[in-house]
Amino acid sequence: MRLAPRRLKSALPALVMLASVLAAIAFYLSGTDSGMVELVARWTAQWSATLLMAFGIETMVDGTVITGNRFAVRVVAECTAIAPFILFSGAVIAYPAGLRVKVYGILLGLLSLTALNIVRIASLFWIGLNSPHMLDIAHLVVWQSLMAIAAISLWLWWVGRLKHDR
Protein backbone atom coordinates (compact mmCIF):
# COMPACT_ATOMS: atom_id res chain seq x y z
CA MET A 1 0.00 0.00 0.00
CA ARG A 2 1.39 3.34 -1.04
CA LEU A 3 0.31 6.59 0.61
CA ALA A 4 -0.23 9.52 -1.69
CA PRO A 5 1.98 12.53 -0.90
CA ARG A 6 -1.08 14.64 -0.02
CA ARG A 7 -2.36 12.01 2.39
CA LEU A 8 1.05 11.58 3.97
CA LYS A 9 1.35 15.34 4.41
CA SER A 10 -2.00 15.53 6.20
CA ALA A 11 -1.03 12.62 8.49
CA LEU A 12 2.39 14.05 9.31
CA PRO A 13 1.35 16.28 12.27
CA ALA A 14 -0.39 13.36 13.97
CA LEU A 15 2.64 11.12 13.38
CA VAL A 16 5.00 13.77 14.75
CA MET A 17 2.72 14.24 17.79
CA LEU A 18 2.67 10.50 18.43
CA ALA A 19 6.45 10.21 18.00
CA SER A 20 7.02 13.17 20.35
CA VAL A 21 4.79 11.77 23.06
CA LEU A 22 6.33 8.28 22.76
CA ALA A 23 9.85 9.74 22.86
CA ALA A 24 8.94 11.84 25.89
CA ILE A 25 7.51 8.81 27.70
CA ALA A 26 10.59 6.75 26.86
CA PHE A 27 12.87 9.53 28.11
CA TYR A 28 10.89 9.87 31.32
CA LEU A 29 10.80 6.15 32.04
CA SER A 30 14.51 5.72 31.40
CA GLY A 31 15.57 8.82 33.30
CA THR A 32 13.75 8.57 36.63
CA ASP A 33 16.86 7.37 38.47
CA SER A 34 19.12 10.06 37.06
CA GLY A 35 20.87 12.76 39.04
CA MET A 36 18.88 15.40 37.19
CA VAL A 37 15.57 13.93 38.34
CA GLU A 38 16.92 13.76 41.90
CA LEU A 39 17.90 17.42 41.66
CA VAL A 40 14.41 18.35 40.44
CA ALA A 41 12.84 16.33 43.29
CA ARG A 42 15.04 18.13 45.86
CA TRP A 43 14.21 21.50 44.34
CA THR A 44 10.49 20.64 44.37
CA ALA A 45 10.67 19.61 48.04
CA GLN A 46 12.49 22.81 48.99
CA TRP A 47 10.08 25.15 47.21
CA SER A 48 7.02 23.25 48.45
CA ALA A 49 8.30 23.59 52.03
CA THR A 50 8.94 27.30 51.42
CA LEU A 51 5.33 27.72 50.30
CA LEU A 52 4.08 25.84 53.36
CA MET A 53 6.18 28.05 55.64
CA ALA A 54 4.75 31.15 53.93
CA PHE A 55 1.37 29.94 55.20
CA GLY A 56 2.68 29.38 58.72
CA ILE A 57 3.23 25.62 58.54
CA GLU A 58 6.59 24.76 60.06
CA THR A 59 8.57 22.32 57.94
CA MET A 60 12.08 21.04 57.48
CA VAL A 61 13.59 19.61 54.33
CA ASP A 62 16.18 16.86 54.19
CA GLY A 63 16.93 16.06 50.57
CA THR A 64 13.57 15.10 49.10
CA VAL A 65 11.74 14.67 52.42
CA ILE A 66 9.51 17.41 53.81
CA THR A 67 8.88 16.94 57.53
CA GLY A 68 6.42 18.70 59.81
CA ASN A 69 5.44 18.15 63.42
CA ARG A 70 3.16 15.17 62.71
CA PHE A 71 3.64 14.35 59.04
CA ALA A 72 6.34 13.78 56.44
CA VAL A 73 6.32 13.30 52.69
CA ARG A 74 9.01 12.19 50.24
CA VAL A 75 9.09 13.84 46.83
CA VAL A 76 9.95 11.13 44.28
CA ALA A 77 10.38 11.45 40.52
CA GLU A 78 6.66 11.01 39.89
CA CYS A 79 5.96 13.88 42.32
CA THR A 80 7.80 16.39 40.17
CA ALA A 81 6.39 18.33 37.23
CA ILE A 82 8.54 16.32 34.82
CA ALA A 83 5.78 14.04 33.45
CA PRO A 84 3.20 16.78 32.74
CA PHE A 85 5.96 19.00 31.34
CA ILE A 86 7.09 16.23 28.99
CA LEU A 87 3.49 15.71 27.87
CA PHE A 88 3.09 19.44 27.26
CA SER A 89 6.49 19.82 25.56
CA GLY A 90 5.87 16.87 23.24
CA ALA A 91 2.63 18.48 22.10
CA VAL A 92 4.31 21.88 21.64
CA ILE A 93 7.19 20.37 19.65
CA ALA A 94 4.80 18.40 17.44
CA TYR A 95 2.58 21.39 16.69
CA PRO A 96 3.32 23.12 13.37
CA ALA A 97 4.68 26.44 14.59
CA GLY A 98 7.95 28.35 14.38
CA LEU A 99 10.90 27.57 16.63
CA ARG A 100 10.69 30.86 18.55
CA VAL A 101 7.00 30.30 19.35
CA LYS A 102 7.75 26.73 20.46
CA VAL A 103 10.54 27.91 22.78
CA TYR A 104 8.16 30.44 24.37
CA GLY A 105 5.55 27.71 24.71
CA ILE A 106 7.99 25.34 26.37
CA LEU A 107 9.11 28.06 28.81
CA LEU A 108 5.46 28.84 29.58
CA GLY A 109 4.85 25.16 30.29
CA LEU A 110 7.94 24.82 32.45
CA LEU A 111 7.04 27.79 34.64
CA SER A 112 3.29 27.13 34.85
CA LEU A 113 3.42 23.40 35.46
CA THR A 114 6.27 23.70 37.96
CA ALA A 115 4.41 26.38 39.93
CA LEU A 116 1.24 24.31 39.92
CA ASN A 117 3.18 21.24 41.05
CA ILE A 118 4.65 23.13 44.00
CA VAL A 119 1.11 24.09 45.02
CA ARG A 120 0.15 20.43 44.55
CA ILE A 121 2.90 19.09 46.85
CA ALA A 122 2.22 21.78 49.48
CA SER A 123 -1.51 21.06 49.42
CA LEU A 124 -0.92 17.31 49.69
CA PHE A 125 1.32 17.92 52.70
CA TRP A 126 -1.41 20.07 54.27
CA ILE A 127 -4.04 17.40 53.57
CA GLY A 128 -1.78 14.71 55.05
CA LEU A 129 -1.29 16.84 58.13
CA ASN A 130 -4.94 17.78 58.63
CA SER A 131 -7.03 15.08 56.90
CA PRO A 132 -4.81 12.02 56.41
CA HIS A 133 -7.81 9.86 55.48
CA MET A 134 -8.24 12.04 52.34
CA LEU A 135 -4.60 11.94 51.24
CA ASP A 136 -4.78 8.94 48.91
CA ILE A 137 -7.81 10.32 47.05
CA ALA A 138 -6.27 13.79 46.79
CA HIS A 139 -2.93 12.39 45.67
CA LEU A 140 -3.86 9.55 43.34
CA VAL A 141 -7.18 10.74 41.93
CA VAL A 142 -7.59 14.49 42.22
CA TRP A 143 -4.10 15.93 41.77
CA GLN A 144 -2.79 13.44 39.23
CA SER A 145 -5.85 14.10 37.08
CA LEU A 146 -5.54 17.86 37.56
CA MET A 147 -1.88 17.85 36.50
CA ALA A 148 -2.67 15.98 33.27
CA ILE A 149 -5.67 18.23 32.61
CA ALA A 150 -3.51 21.30 33.32
CA ALA A 151 -0.87 20.20 30.81
CA ILE A 152 -3.48 19.56 28.12
CA SER A 153 -5.43 22.75 28.90
CA LEU A 154 -2.27 24.83 28.85
CA TRP A 155 -1.38 23.39 25.44
CA LEU A 156 -4.89 24.11 24.12
CA TRP A 157 -4.62 27.68 25.44
CA TRP A 158 -1.19 28.05 23.79
CA VAL A 159 -2.54 26.79 20.45
CA GLY A 160 -5.54 29.11 20.76
CA ARG A 161 -3.24 32.08 21.36
CA LEU A 162 -1.24 31.15 18.24
CA LYS A 163 -4.36 31.08 16.12
CA HIS A 164 -5.61 34.31 17.73
CA ASP A 165 -2.32 36.13 17.11
CA ARG A 166 -2.20 35.21 13.42
C-alpha atoms as a PDB file:
ATOM      1  CA  MET A   1       0.000   0.000   0.000  1.00  0.00           C
ATOM      2  CA  ARG A   2       1.393   3.339  -1.044  1.00  0.00           C
ATOM      3  CA  LEU A   3       0.311   6.591   0.610  1.00  0.00           C
ATOM      4  CA  ALA A   4      -0.235   9.524  -1.694  1.00  0.00           C
ATOM      5  CA  PRO A   5       1.984  12.535  -0.902  1.00  0.00           C
ATOM      6  CA  ARG A   6      -1.075  14.641  -0.020  1.00  0.00           C
ATOM      7  CA  ARG A   7      -2.361  12.007   2.391  1.00  0.00           C
ATOM      8  CA  LEU A   8       1.051  11.583   3.968  1.00  0.00           C
ATOM      9  CA  LYS A   9       1.354  15.338   4.407  1.00  0.00           C
ATOM     10  CA  SER A  10      -1.999  15.528   6.203  1.00  0.00           C
ATOM     11  CA  ALA A  11      -1.034  12.616   8.492  1.00  0.00           C
ATOM     12  CA  LEU A  12       2.392  14.051   9.311  1.00  0.00           C
ATOM     13  CA  PRO A  13       1.348  16.283  12.270  1.00  0.00           C
ATOM     14  CA  ALA A  14      -0.393  13.357  13.970  1.00  0.00           C
ATOM     15  CA  LEU A  15       2.636  11.118  13.384  1.00  0.00           C
ATOM     16  CA  VAL A  16       5.000  13.770  14.752  1.00  0.00           C
ATOM     17  CA  MET A  17       2.720  14.240  17.790  1.00  0.00           C
ATOM     18  CA  LEU A  18       2.670  10.497  18.426  1.00  0.00           C
ATOM     19  CA  ALA A  19       6.449  10.212  17.997  1.00  0.00           C
ATOM     20  CA  SER A  20       7.023  13.172  20.348  1.00  0.00           C
ATOM     21  CA  VAL A  21       4.792  11.775  23.064  1.00  0.00           C
ATOM     22  CA  LEU A  22       6.334   8.284  22.758  1.00  0.00           C
ATOM     23  CA  ALA A  23       9.847   9.744  22.861  1.00  0.00           C
ATOM     24  CA  ALA A  24       8.945  11.839  25.893  1.00  0.00           C
ATOM     25  CA  ILE A  25       7.509   8.815  27.698  1.00  0.00           C
ATOM     26  CA  ALA A  26      10.586   6.747  26.860  1.00  0.00           C
ATOM     27  CA  PHE A  27      12.872   9.526  28.114  1.00  0.00           C
ATOM     28  CA  TYR A  28      10.889   9.870  31.318  1.00  0.00           C
ATOM     29  CA  LEU A  29      10.799   6.154  32.039  1.00  0.00           C
ATOM     30  CA  SER A  30      14.506   5.725  31.401  1.00  0.00           C
ATOM     31  CA  GLY A  31      15.574   8.821  33.303  1.00  0.00           C
ATOM     32  CA  THR A  32      13.750   8.571  36.631  1.00  0.00           C
ATOM     33  CA  ASP A  33      16.858   7.368  38.472  1.00  0.00           C
ATOM     34  CA  SER A  34      19.120  10.058  37.061  1.00  0.00           C
ATOM     35  CA  GLY A  35      20.874  12.757  39.043  1.00  0.00           C
ATOM     36  CA  MET A  36      18.885  15.405  37.186  1.00  0.00           C
ATOM     37  CA  VAL A  37      15.570  13.929  38.341  1.00  0.00           C
ATOM     38  CA  GLU A  38      16.923  13.756  41.903  1.00  0.00           C
ATOM     39  CA  LEU A  39      17.904  17.421  41.660  1.00  0.00           C
ATOM     40  CA  VAL A  40      14.412  18.350  40.443  1.00  0.00           C
ATOM     41  CA  ALA A  41      12.845  16.330  43.291  1.00  0.00           C
ATOM     42  CA  ARG A  42      15.044  18.133  45.858  1.00  0.00           C
ATOM     43  CA  TRP A  43      14.211  21.499  44.339  1.00  0.00           C
ATOM     44  CA  THR A  44      10.485  20.644  44.374  1.00  0.00           C
ATOM     45  CA  ALA A  45      10.671  19.611  48.043  1.00  0.00           C
ATOM     46  CA  GLN A  46      12.493  22.809  48.993  1.00  0.00           C
ATOM     47  CA  TRP A  47      10.083  25.150  47.209  1.00  0.00           C
ATOM     48  CA  SER A  48       7.023  23.247  48.448  1.00  0.00           C
ATOM     49  CA  ALA A  49       8.298  23.594  52.028  1.00  0.00           C
ATOM     50  CA  THR A  50       8.936  27.295  51.417  1.00  0.00           C
ATOM     51  CA  LEU A  51       5.331  27.722  50.296  1.00  0.00           C
ATOM     52  CA  LEU A  52       4.080  25.839  53.360  1.00  0.00           C
ATOM     53  CA  MET A  53       6.183  28.047  55.640  1.00  0.00           C
ATOM     54  CA  ALA A  54       4.754  31.148  53.929  1.00  0.00           C
ATOM     55  CA  PHE A  55       1.371  29.942  55.200  1.00  0.00           C
ATOM     56  CA  GLY A  56       2.685  29.381  58.720  1.00  0.00           C
ATOM     57  CA  ILE A  57       3.227  25.619  58.536  1.00  0.00           C
ATOM     58  CA  GLU A  58       6.591  24.756  60.058  1.00  0.00           C
ATOM     59  CA  THR A  59       8.566  22.317  57.937  1.00  0.00           C
ATOM     60  CA  MET A  60      12.081  21.039  57.480  1.00  0.00           C
ATOM     61  CA  VAL A  61      13.590  19.610  54.326  1.00  0.00           C
ATOM     62  CA  ASP A  62      16.177  16.860  54.190  1.00  0.00           C
ATOM     63  CA  GLY A  63      16.929  16.060  50.571  1.00  0.00           C
ATOM     64  CA  THR A  64      13.566  15.105  49.102  1.00  0.00           C
ATOM     65  CA  VAL A  65      11.744  14.669  52.424  1.00  0.00           C
ATOM     66  CA  ILE A  66       9.513  17.414  53.810  1.00  0.00           C
ATOM     67  CA  THR A  67       8.881  16.945  57.532  1.00  0.00           C
ATOM     68  CA  GLY A  68       6.420  18.699  59.806  1.00  0.00           C
ATOM     69  CA  ASN A  69       5.436  18.145  63.423  1.00  0.00           C
ATOM     70  CA  ARG A  70       3.160  15.172  62.714  1.00  0.00           C
ATOM     71  CA  PHE A  71       3.641  14.347  59.042  1.00  0.00           C
ATOM     72  CA  ALA A  72       6.339  13.783  56.438  1.00  0.00           C
ATOM     73  CA  VAL A  73       6.323  13.298  52.690  1.00  0.00           C
ATOM     74  CA  ARG A  74       9.012  12.191  50.239  1.00  0.00           C
ATOM     75  CA  VAL A  75       9.086  13.840  46.826  1.00  0.00           C
ATOM     76  CA  VAL A  76       9.949  11.127  44.281  1.00  0.00           C
ATOM     77  CA  ALA A  77      10.383  11.448  40.519  1.00  0.00           C
ATOM     78  CA  GLU A  78       6.661  11.010  39.894  1.00  0.00           C
ATOM     79  CA  CYS A  79       5.961  13.885  42.319  1.00  0.00           C
ATOM     80  CA  THR A  80       7.800  16.394  40.169  1.00  0.00           C
ATOM     81  CA  ALA A  81       6.388  18.334  37.228  1.00  0.00           C
ATOM     82  CA  ILE A  82       8.541  16.318  34.821  1.00  0.00           C
ATOM     83  CA  ALA A  83       5.780  14.041  33.454  1.00  0.00           C
ATOM     84  CA  PRO A  84       3.203  16.783  32.745  1.00  0.00           C
ATOM     85  CA  PHE A  85       5.962  18.996  31.336  1.00  0.00           C
ATOM     86  CA  ILE A  86       7.085  16.232  28.987  1.00  0.00           C
ATOM     87  CA  LEU A  87       3.488  15.709  27.872  1.00  0.00           C
ATOM     88  CA  PHE A  88       3.094  19.442  27.262  1.00  0.00           C
ATOM     89  CA  SER A  89       6.486  19.821  25.559  1.00  0.00           C
ATOM     90  CA  GLY A  90       5.870  16.871  23.245  1.00  0.00           C
ATOM     91  CA  ALA A  91       2.626  18.475  22.098  1.00  0.00           C
ATOM     92  CA  VAL A  92       4.312  21.879  21.636  1.00  0.00           C
ATOM     93  CA  ILE A  93       7.186  20.366  19.651  1.00  0.00           C
ATOM     94  CA  ALA A  94       4.796  18.400  17.439  1.00  0.00           C
ATOM     95  CA  TYR A  95       2.583  21.389  16.687  1.00  0.00           C
ATOM     96  CA  PRO A  96       3.318  23.117  13.366  1.00  0.00           C
ATOM     97  CA  ALA A  97       4.680  26.443  14.586  1.00  0.00           C
ATOM     98  CA  GLY A  98       7.948  28.350  14.380  1.00  0.00           C
ATOM     99  CA  LEU A  99      10.901  27.570  16.633  1.00  0.00           C
ATOM    100  CA  ARG A 100      10.690  30.855  18.547  1.00  0.00           C
ATOM    101  CA  VAL A 101       7.005  30.298  19.354  1.00  0.00           C
ATOM    102  CA  LYS A 102       7.751  26.734  20.461  1.00  0.00           C
ATOM    103  CA  VAL A 103      10.543  27.913  22.780  1.00  0.00           C
ATOM    104  CA  TYR A 104       8.160  30.436  24.370  1.00  0.00           C
ATOM    105  CA  GLY A 105       5.547  27.711  24.709  1.00  0.00           C
ATOM    106  CA  ILE A 106       7.988  25.341  26.371  1.00  0.00           C
ATOM    107  CA  LEU A 107       9.108  28.058  28.812  1.00  0.00           C
ATOM    108  CA  LEU A 108       5.462  28.842  29.578  1.00  0.00           C
ATOM    109  CA  GLY A 109       4.847  25.157  30.294  1.00  0.00           C
ATOM    110  CA  LEU A 110       7.942  24.816  32.450  1.00  0.00           C
ATOM    111  CA  LEU A 111       7.041  27.790  34.643  1.00  0.00           C
ATOM    112  CA  SER A 112       3.294  27.131  34.846  1.00  0.00           C
ATOM    113  CA  LEU A 113       3.419  23.395  35.461  1.00  0.00           C
ATOM    114  CA  THR A 114       6.275  23.697  37.955  1.00  0.00           C
ATOM    115  CA  ALA A 115       4.414  26.376  39.931  1.00  0.00           C
ATOM    116  CA  LEU A 116       1.236  24.307  39.918  1.00  0.00           C
ATOM    117  CA  ASN A 117       3.175  21.239  41.053  1.00  0.00           C
ATOM    118  CA  ILE A 118       4.655  23.133  43.996  1.00  0.00           C
ATOM    119  CA  VAL A 119       1.109  24.093  45.018  1.00  0.00           C
ATOM    120  CA  ARG A 120       0.147  20.429  44.546  1.00  0.00           C
ATOM    121  CA  ILE A 121       2.896  19.093  46.846  1.00  0.00           C
ATOM    122  CA  ALA A 122       2.222  21.778  49.476  1.00  0.00           C
ATOM    123  CA  SER A 123      -1.515  21.063  49.421  1.00  0.00           C
ATOM    124  CA  LEU A 124      -0.919  17.307  49.693  1.00  0.00           C
ATOM    125  CA  PHE A 125       1.322  17.922  52.696  1.00  0.00           C
ATOM    126  CA  TRP A 126      -1.405  20.068  54.272  1.00  0.00           C
ATOM    127  CA  ILE A 127      -4.037  17.397  53.572  1.00  0.00           C
ATOM    128  CA  GLY A 128      -1.776  14.707  55.047  1.00  0.00           C
ATOM    129  CA  LEU A 129      -1.286  16.837  58.129  1.00  0.00           C
ATOM    130  CA  ASN A 130      -4.938  17.776  58.628  1.00  0.00           C
ATOM    131  CA  SER A 131      -7.027  15.075  56.899  1.00  0.00           C
ATOM    132  CA  PRO A 132      -4.815  12.025  56.413  1.00  0.00           C
ATOM    133  CA  HIS A 133      -7.811   9.857  55.476  1.00  0.00           C
ATOM    134  CA  MET A 134      -8.239  12.035  52.336  1.00  0.00           C
ATOM    135  CA  LEU A 135      -4.600  11.945  51.244  1.00  0.00           C
ATOM    136  CA  ASP A 136      -4.781   8.944  48.906  1.00  0.00           C
ATOM    137  CA  ILE A 137      -7.807  10.321  47.053  1.00  0.00           C
ATOM    138  CA  ALA A 138      -6.271  13.787  46.793  1.00  0.00           C
ATOM    139  CA  HIS A 139      -2.925  12.388  45.670  1.00  0.00           C
ATOM    140  CA  LEU A 140      -3.862   9.549  43.342  1.00  0.00           C
ATOM    141  CA  VAL A 141      -7.178  10.738  41.929  1.00  0.00           C
ATOM    142  CA  VAL A 142      -7.590  14.489  42.221  1.00  0.00           C
ATOM    143  CA  TRP A 143      -4.105  15.927  41.771  1.00  0.00           C
ATOM    144  CA  GLN A 144      -2.789  13.435  39.226  1.00  0.00           C
ATOM    145  CA  SER A 145      -5.849  14.098  37.078  1.00  0.00           C
ATOM    146  CA  LEU A 146      -5.539  17.857  37.556  1.00  0.00           C
ATOM    147  CA  MET A 147      -1.881  17.852  36.500  1.00  0.00           C
ATOM    148  CA  ALA A 148      -2.666  15.978  33.269  1.00  0.00           C
ATOM    149  CA  ILE A 149      -5.671  18.231  32.614  1.00  0.00           C
ATOM    150  CA  ALA A 150      -3.514  21.299  33.318  1.00  0.00           C
ATOM    151  CA  ALA A 151      -0.867  20.197  30.805  1.00  0.00           C
ATOM    152  CA  ILE A 152      -3.478  19.556  28.117  1.00  0.00           C
ATOM    153  CA  SER A 153      -5.427  22.752  28.905  1.00  0.00           C
ATOM    154  CA  LEU A 154      -2.268  24.834  28.854  1.00  0.00           C
ATOM    155  CA  TRP A 155      -1.380  23.393  25.439  1.00  0.00           C
ATOM    156  CA  LEU A 156      -4.889  24.113  24.123  1.00  0.00           C
ATOM    157  CA  TRP A 157      -4.623  27.679  25.437  1.00  0.00           C
ATOM    158  CA  TRP A 158      -1.193  28.053  23.791  1.00  0.00           C
ATOM    159  CA  VAL A 159      -2.540  26.786  20.453  1.00  0.00           C
ATOM    160  CA  GLY A 160      -5.537  29.110  20.764  1.00  0.00           C
ATOM    161  CA  ARG A 161      -3.240  32.080  21.357  1.00  0.00           C
ATOM    162  CA  LEU A 162      -1.242  31.149  18.243  1.00  0.00           C
ATOM    163  CA  LYS A 163      -4.357  31.082  16.120  1.00  0.00           C
ATOM    164  CA  HIS A 164      -5.615  34.305  17.726  1.00  0.00           C
ATOM    165  CA  ASP A 165      -2.317  36.129  17.111  1.00  0.00           C
ATOM    166  CA  ARG A 166      -2.196  35.206  13.415  1.00  0.00           C
END
